[in-house]
Amino acid sequence: MALIPMVIEQTGRGERAYDIYSRLLKERIVFLGTPIDDNISSLIISQLLFLEAEDPEKDIFLYINSPGGIVSSGLAIYDTIKYIKPDVVTTCMGQAASMGAVLLAAGTKGKRYAL
């Protein structure tokens, strides 16, 4: 079982604990840090669709560190990036190989980065 860090925020009503992925999602950040398979594809797609529903005008930030993976799963993410209205800013941190490179290139023109 993977350990998922928790983040604690102070609110007007006390402290609120989030898992790190929920906290990143609140900032419109999606992180792909594993090989791409059907399960990861479903998670990434649902996050992208959720963020579009929240605000179709604000950019979504997709950070990629992936060795690639299953082509059909990656193409489903690619299709979603192209389908949704918000610009998707893609950034490679580490590696974006194979299908990871395709997803990096799927970002909005002028908003694709590699560190």
N, C-alpha and C. Protein backbone atom coordinates (compact mmCIF):
# COMPACT_ATOMS: atom_id res chain seq x y z
N MET A 1 0.84 -1.19 0.00
CA MET A 1 0.00 0.00 0.00
C MET A 1 0.88 1.24 0.00
N ALA A 2 0.60 2.17 -0.89
CA ALA A 2 1.39 3.40 -0.99
C ALA A 2 1.01 4.38 0.11
N LEU A 3 2.01 5.04 0.62
CA LEU A 3 1.79 6.05 1.64
C LEU A 3 1.45 7.37 0.95
N ILE A 4 0.32 7.97 1.29
CA ILE A 4 -0.10 9.23 0.69
C ILE A 4 0.00 10.32 1.75
N PRO A 5 0.84 11.33 1.52
CA PRO A 5 1.01 12.39 2.51
C PRO A 5 -0.27 13.19 2.72
N MET A 6 -0.41 13.71 3.92
CA MET A 6 -1.54 14.58 4.27
C MET A 6 -1.04 16.01 4.43
N VAL A 7 -1.88 16.96 4.07
CA VAL A 7 -1.58 18.38 4.22
C VAL A 7 -2.62 18.96 5.15
N ILE A 8 -2.18 19.76 6.11
CA ILE A 8 -3.11 20.36 7.07
C ILE A 8 -3.19 21.86 6.80
N GLU A 9 -4.41 22.35 6.64
CA GLU A 9 -4.66 23.78 6.42
C GLU A 9 -5.41 24.35 7.60
N GLN A 10 -5.14 25.61 7.89
CA GLN A 10 -5.90 26.32 8.91
C GLN A 10 -7.08 27.01 8.23
N THR A 11 -8.26 26.82 8.77
CA THR A 11 -9.45 27.48 8.24
C THR A 11 -10.09 28.28 9.36
N GLY A 12 -11.12 29.02 9.05
CA GLY A 12 -11.85 29.78 10.05
C GLY A 12 -12.52 28.89 11.08
N ARG A 13 -12.69 27.62 10.74
CA ARG A 13 -13.36 26.68 11.64
C ARG A 13 -12.39 25.66 12.23
N GLY A 14 -11.10 25.94 12.15
CA GLY A 14 -10.11 25.02 12.70
C GLY A 14 -9.21 24.46 11.61
N GLU A 15 -8.71 23.27 11.85
CA GLU A 15 -7.81 22.63 10.90
C GLU A 15 -8.57 21.69 9.97
N ARG A 16 -8.06 21.60 8.76
CA ARG A 16 -8.64 20.70 7.76
C ARG A 16 -7.51 19.89 7.15
N ALA A 17 -7.63 18.58 7.13
CA ALA A 17 -6.60 17.71 6.56
C ALA A 17 -7.04 17.21 5.19
N TYR A 18 -6.14 17.28 4.23
CA TYR A 18 -6.37 16.79 2.87
C TYR A 18 -5.28 15.79 2.53
N ASP A 19 -5.60 14.80 1.69
CA ASP A 19 -4.51 14.04 1.10
C ASP A 19 -3.89 14.97 0.05
N ILE A 20 -2.62 14.77 -0.25
CA ILE A 20 -1.88 15.70 -1.09
C ILE A 20 -2.51 15.85 -2.48
N TYR A 21 -3.07 14.78 -3.03
CA TYR A 21 -3.66 14.85 -4.37
C TYR A 21 -4.92 15.71 -4.39
N SER A 22 -5.71 15.66 -3.34
CA SER A 22 -6.90 16.52 -3.25
C SER A 22 -6.49 17.97 -3.13
N ARG A 23 -5.43 18.21 -2.37
CA ARG A 23 -4.95 19.60 -2.20
C ARG A 23 -4.43 20.15 -3.53
N LEU A 24 -3.69 19.34 -4.27
CA LEU A 24 -3.22 19.77 -5.59
C LEU A 24 -4.39 20.02 -6.53
N LEU A 25 -5.39 19.15 -6.50
CA LEU A 25 -6.56 19.31 -7.36
C LEU A 25 -7.28 20.62 -7.07
N LYS A 26 -7.29 21.02 -5.82
CA LYS A 26 -7.89 22.30 -5.43
C LYS A 26 -7.20 23.47 -6.14
N GLU A 27 -5.92 23.31 -6.45
CA GLU A 27 -5.14 24.33 -7.16
C GLU A 27 -5.12 24.08 -8.67
N ARG A 28 -5.96 23.15 -9.15
CA ARG A 28 -6.08 22.80 -10.57
C ARG A 28 -4.81 22.12 -11.10
N ILE A 29 -4.17 21.36 -10.23
CA ILE A 29 -2.96 20.61 -10.60
C ILE A 29 -3.29 19.12 -10.62
N VAL A 30 -2.93 18.48 -11.74
CA VAL A 30 -3.08 17.03 -11.89
C VAL A 30 -1.67 16.47 -12.07
N PHE A 31 -1.34 15.42 -11.33
CA PHE A 31 0.00 14.84 -11.40
C PHE A 31 -0.07 13.41 -11.92
N LEU A 32 0.65 13.16 -13.00
CA LEU A 32 0.78 11.82 -13.56
C LEU A 32 2.20 11.35 -13.25
N GLY A 33 2.35 10.47 -12.28
CA GLY A 33 3.67 10.04 -11.84
C GLY A 33 3.88 8.55 -11.90
N THR A 34 3.13 7.88 -12.75
CA THR A 34 3.21 6.42 -12.85
C THR A 34 3.12 6.01 -14.32
N PRO A 35 3.38 4.73 -14.61
CA PRO A 35 3.06 4.23 -15.95
C PRO A 35 1.56 4.39 -16.21
N ILE A 36 1.21 4.57 -17.46
CA ILE A 36 -0.18 4.81 -17.83
C ILE A 36 -0.88 3.47 -18.07
N ASP A 37 -1.96 3.24 -17.33
CA ASP A 37 -2.80 2.06 -17.53
C ASP A 37 -4.26 2.50 -17.43
N ASP A 38 -5.17 1.54 -17.51
CA ASP A 38 -6.60 1.88 -17.50
C ASP A 38 -7.02 2.58 -16.21
N ASN A 39 -6.50 2.14 -15.07
CA ASN A 39 -6.88 2.76 -13.80
C ASN A 39 -6.40 4.20 -13.70
N ILE A 40 -5.14 4.43 -14.05
CA ILE A 40 -4.58 5.79 -14.00
C ILE A 40 -5.30 6.68 -15.01
N SER A 41 -5.59 6.13 -16.19
CA SER A 41 -6.31 6.88 -17.21
C SER A 41 -7.67 7.35 -16.69
N SER A 42 -8.39 6.48 -16.03
CA SER A 42 -9.70 6.85 -15.48
C SER A 42 -9.56 7.95 -14.43
N LEU A 43 -8.54 7.86 -13.58
CA LEU A 43 -8.32 8.89 -12.56
C LEU A 43 -8.00 10.25 -13.19
N ILE A 44 -7.09 10.26 -14.16
CA ILE A 44 -6.68 11.52 -14.80
C ILE A 44 -7.86 12.13 -15.55
N ILE A 45 -8.59 11.31 -16.30
CA ILE A 45 -9.74 11.81 -17.06
C ILE A 45 -10.80 12.39 -16.14
N SER A 46 -11.10 11.70 -15.05
CA SER A 46 -12.13 12.21 -14.14
C SER A 46 -11.69 13.53 -13.50
N GLN A 47 -10.41 13.67 -13.20
CA GLN A 47 -9.92 14.93 -12.63
C GLN A 47 -10.02 16.06 -13.65
N LEU A 48 -9.65 15.79 -14.90
CA LEU A 48 -9.74 16.81 -15.95
C LEU A 48 -11.19 17.25 -16.16
N LEU A 49 -12.10 16.30 -16.22
CA LEU A 49 -13.52 16.64 -16.42
C LEU A 49 -14.08 17.40 -15.23
N PHE A 50 -13.69 17.02 -14.02
CA PHE A 50 -14.12 17.73 -12.82
C PHE A 50 -13.64 19.18 -12.86
N LEU A 51 -12.37 19.39 -13.20
CA LEU A 51 -11.83 20.76 -13.22
C LEU A 51 -12.49 21.60 -14.31
N GLU A 52 -12.83 20.98 -15.44
CA GLU A 52 -13.55 21.72 -16.48
C GLU A 52 -14.92 22.14 -15.96
N ALA A 53 -15.61 21.27 -15.27
CA ALA A 53 -16.93 21.59 -14.73
C ALA A 53 -16.85 22.69 -13.68
N GLU A 54 -15.77 22.71 -12.90
CA GLU A 54 -15.58 23.73 -11.87
C GLU A 54 -15.40 25.12 -12.47
N ASP A 55 -14.56 25.22 -13.50
CA ASP A 55 -14.31 26.51 -14.16
C ASP A 55 -13.72 26.25 -15.55
N PRO A 56 -14.53 26.38 -16.60
CA PRO A 56 -14.05 26.07 -17.94
C PRO A 56 -13.10 27.12 -18.53
N GLU A 57 -12.87 28.21 -17.80
CA GLU A 57 -12.01 29.28 -18.31
C GLU A 57 -10.59 29.24 -17.74
N LYS A 58 -10.39 28.60 -16.60
CA LYS A 58 -9.08 28.60 -15.94
C LYS A 58 -8.23 27.43 -16.42
N ASP A 59 -6.93 27.70 -16.58
CA ASP A 59 -5.99 26.67 -17.02
C ASP A 59 -5.95 25.50 -16.03
N ILE A 60 -5.64 24.34 -16.57
CA ILE A 60 -5.38 23.13 -15.78
C ILE A 60 -3.90 22.81 -15.98
N PHE A 61 -3.23 22.44 -14.89
CA PHE A 61 -1.80 22.16 -14.93
C PHE A 61 -1.56 20.66 -14.78
N LEU A 62 -1.02 20.04 -15.82
CA LEU A 62 -0.74 18.60 -15.81
C LEU A 62 0.77 18.41 -15.74
N TYR A 63 1.24 17.86 -14.62
CA TYR A 63 2.66 17.56 -14.43
C TYR A 63 2.88 16.08 -14.72
N ILE A 64 3.90 15.80 -15.53
CA ILE A 64 4.12 14.44 -16.02
C ILE A 64 5.51 13.93 -15.62
N ASN A 65 5.55 12.75 -15.04
CA ASN A 65 6.77 11.98 -14.81
C ASN A 65 6.39 10.53 -15.04
N SER A 66 6.41 10.12 -16.30
CA SER A 66 5.87 8.81 -16.65
C SER A 66 6.72 8.14 -17.73
N PRO A 67 6.94 6.83 -17.60
CA PRO A 67 7.66 6.10 -18.64
C PRO A 67 6.77 5.69 -19.81
N GLY A 68 5.52 6.11 -19.80
CA GLY A 68 4.58 5.73 -20.86
C GLY A 68 3.66 4.64 -20.35
N GLY A 69 3.17 3.83 -21.27
CA GLY A 69 2.28 2.76 -20.83
C GLY A 69 1.38 2.29 -21.95
N ILE A 70 0.18 1.91 -21.58
CA ILE A 70 -0.79 1.34 -22.53
C ILE A 70 -1.30 2.44 -23.47
N VAL A 71 -1.15 2.20 -24.75
CA VAL A 71 -1.49 3.21 -25.76
C VAL A 71 -2.96 3.62 -25.68
N SER A 72 -3.87 2.68 -25.60
CA SER A 72 -5.30 3.03 -25.58
C SER A 72 -5.65 3.86 -24.35
N SER A 73 -5.03 3.58 -23.22
CA SER A 73 -5.27 4.36 -22.01
C SER A 73 -4.74 5.78 -22.17
N GLY A 74 -3.55 5.90 -22.74
CA GLY A 74 -2.97 7.21 -22.97
C GLY A 74 -3.77 8.03 -23.98
N LEU A 75 -4.26 7.37 -25.01
CA LEU A 75 -5.06 8.09 -26.01
C LEU A 75 -6.37 8.59 -25.43
N ALA A 76 -6.92 7.88 -24.46
CA ALA A 76 -8.14 8.35 -23.80
C ALA A 76 -7.85 9.65 -23.05
N ILE A 77 -6.70 9.73 -22.39
CA ILE A 77 -6.31 10.98 -21.72
C ILE A 77 -6.08 12.08 -22.75
N TYR A 78 -5.37 11.73 -23.83
CA TYR A 78 -5.10 12.69 -24.92
C TYR A 78 -6.41 13.26 -25.47
N ASP A 79 -7.36 12.39 -25.76
CA ASP A 79 -8.65 12.84 -26.30
C ASP A 79 -9.36 13.78 -25.32
N THR A 80 -9.27 13.48 -24.04
CA THR A 80 -9.92 14.33 -23.03
C THR A 80 -9.26 15.70 -22.99
N ILE A 81 -7.93 15.74 -23.04
CA ILE A 81 -7.21 17.03 -23.05
C ILE A 81 -7.66 17.87 -24.23
N LYS A 82 -7.81 17.24 -25.38
CA LYS A 82 -8.23 17.98 -26.58
C LYS A 82 -9.71 18.36 -26.55
N TYR A 83 -10.51 17.59 -25.82
CA TYR A 83 -11.96 17.81 -25.78
C TYR A 83 -12.36 18.94 -24.83
N ILE A 84 -11.71 19.03 -23.68
CA ILE A 84 -12.14 20.00 -22.67
C ILE A 84 -11.80 21.43 -23.09
N LYS A 85 -12.56 22.37 -22.56
CA LYS A 85 -12.39 23.77 -22.94
C LYS A 85 -11.17 24.45 -22.32
N PRO A 86 -10.85 24.21 -21.04
CA PRO A 86 -9.70 24.92 -20.46
C PRO A 86 -8.40 24.56 -21.16
N ASP A 87 -7.47 25.53 -21.21
CA ASP A 87 -6.13 25.22 -21.68
C ASP A 87 -5.49 24.26 -20.68
N VAL A 88 -4.73 23.31 -21.21
CA VAL A 88 -4.00 22.38 -20.35
C VAL A 88 -2.51 22.69 -20.50
N VAL A 89 -1.91 23.12 -19.40
CA VAL A 89 -0.48 23.42 -19.35
C VAL A 89 0.23 22.13 -18.96
N THR A 90 1.09 21.62 -19.84
CA THR A 90 1.79 20.37 -19.54
C THR A 90 3.25 20.67 -19.21
N THR A 91 3.74 20.00 -18.17
CA THR A 91 5.12 20.16 -17.74
C THR A 91 5.71 18.79 -17.45
N CYS A 92 6.87 18.51 -18.06
CA CYS A 92 7.58 17.27 -17.79
C CYS A 92 8.54 17.50 -16.64
N MET A 93 8.41 16.69 -15.61
CA MET A 93 9.34 16.71 -14.48
C MET A 93 9.90 15.29 -14.37
N GLY A 94 11.13 15.10 -14.76
CA GLY A 94 11.70 13.76 -14.77
C GLY A 94 11.68 13.22 -16.18
N GLN A 95 10.75 12.33 -16.45
CA GLN A 95 10.68 11.75 -17.79
C GLN A 95 9.25 11.78 -18.34
N ALA A 96 9.18 11.91 -19.64
CA ALA A 96 7.91 11.76 -20.35
C ALA A 96 8.24 10.93 -21.59
N ALA A 97 8.26 9.62 -21.40
CA ALA A 97 8.64 8.71 -22.48
C ALA A 97 7.40 8.07 -23.08
N SER A 98 7.54 7.67 -24.34
CA SER A 98 6.48 6.94 -25.01
C SER A 98 5.15 7.70 -24.94
N MET A 99 4.12 7.12 -24.37
CA MET A 99 2.81 7.79 -24.29
C MET A 99 2.89 9.02 -23.39
N GLY A 100 3.81 9.05 -22.45
CA GLY A 100 4.01 10.25 -21.63
C GLY A 100 4.42 11.44 -22.48
N ALA A 101 5.24 11.20 -23.51
CA ALA A 101 5.65 12.26 -24.42
C ALA A 101 4.48 12.75 -25.27
N VAL A 102 3.62 11.83 -25.66
CA VAL A 102 2.42 12.21 -26.43
C VAL A 102 1.54 13.13 -25.58
N LEU A 103 1.37 12.79 -24.31
CA LEU A 103 0.55 13.62 -23.42
C LEU A 103 1.20 14.98 -23.17
N LEU A 104 2.52 15.00 -23.07
CA LEU A 104 3.23 16.28 -22.92
C LEU A 104 2.96 17.16 -24.13
N ALA A 105 3.01 16.58 -25.32
CA ALA A 105 2.76 17.34 -26.56
C ALA A 105 1.29 17.71 -26.73
N ALA A 106 0.40 17.09 -25.99
CA ALA A 106 -1.04 17.38 -26.10
C ALA A 106 -1.42 18.69 -25.44
N GLY A 107 -0.53 19.25 -24.64
CA GLY A 107 -0.83 20.51 -23.97
C GLY A 107 -1.09 21.62 -24.96
N THR A 108 -1.68 22.68 -24.47
CA THR A 108 -2.00 23.84 -25.31
C THR A 108 -0.72 24.43 -25.90
N LYS A 109 -0.77 24.78 -27.17
CA LYS A 109 0.39 25.36 -27.85
C LYS A 109 0.88 26.57 -27.07
N GLY A 110 2.18 26.62 -26.83
CA GLY A 110 2.78 27.71 -26.07
C GLY A 110 2.75 27.49 -24.57
N LYS A 111 2.13 26.38 -24.15
CA LYS A 111 2.03 26.07 -22.71
C LYS A 111 2.52 24.65 -22.43
N ARG A 112 3.58 24.26 -23.15
CA ARG A 112 4.19 22.94 -22.97
C ARG A 112 5.62 23.15 -22.49
N TYR A 113 5.98 22.50 -21.39
CA TYR A 113 7.30 22.73 -20.80
C TYR A 113 7.97 21.43 -20.41
N ALA A 114 9.30 21.43 -20.44
CA ALA A 114 10.09 20.31 -19.93
C ALA A 114 11.19 20.90 -19.05
N LEU A 115 11.31 20.38 -17.84
CA LEU A 115 12.33 20.89 -16.91
C LEU A 115 13.62 20.12 -17.08
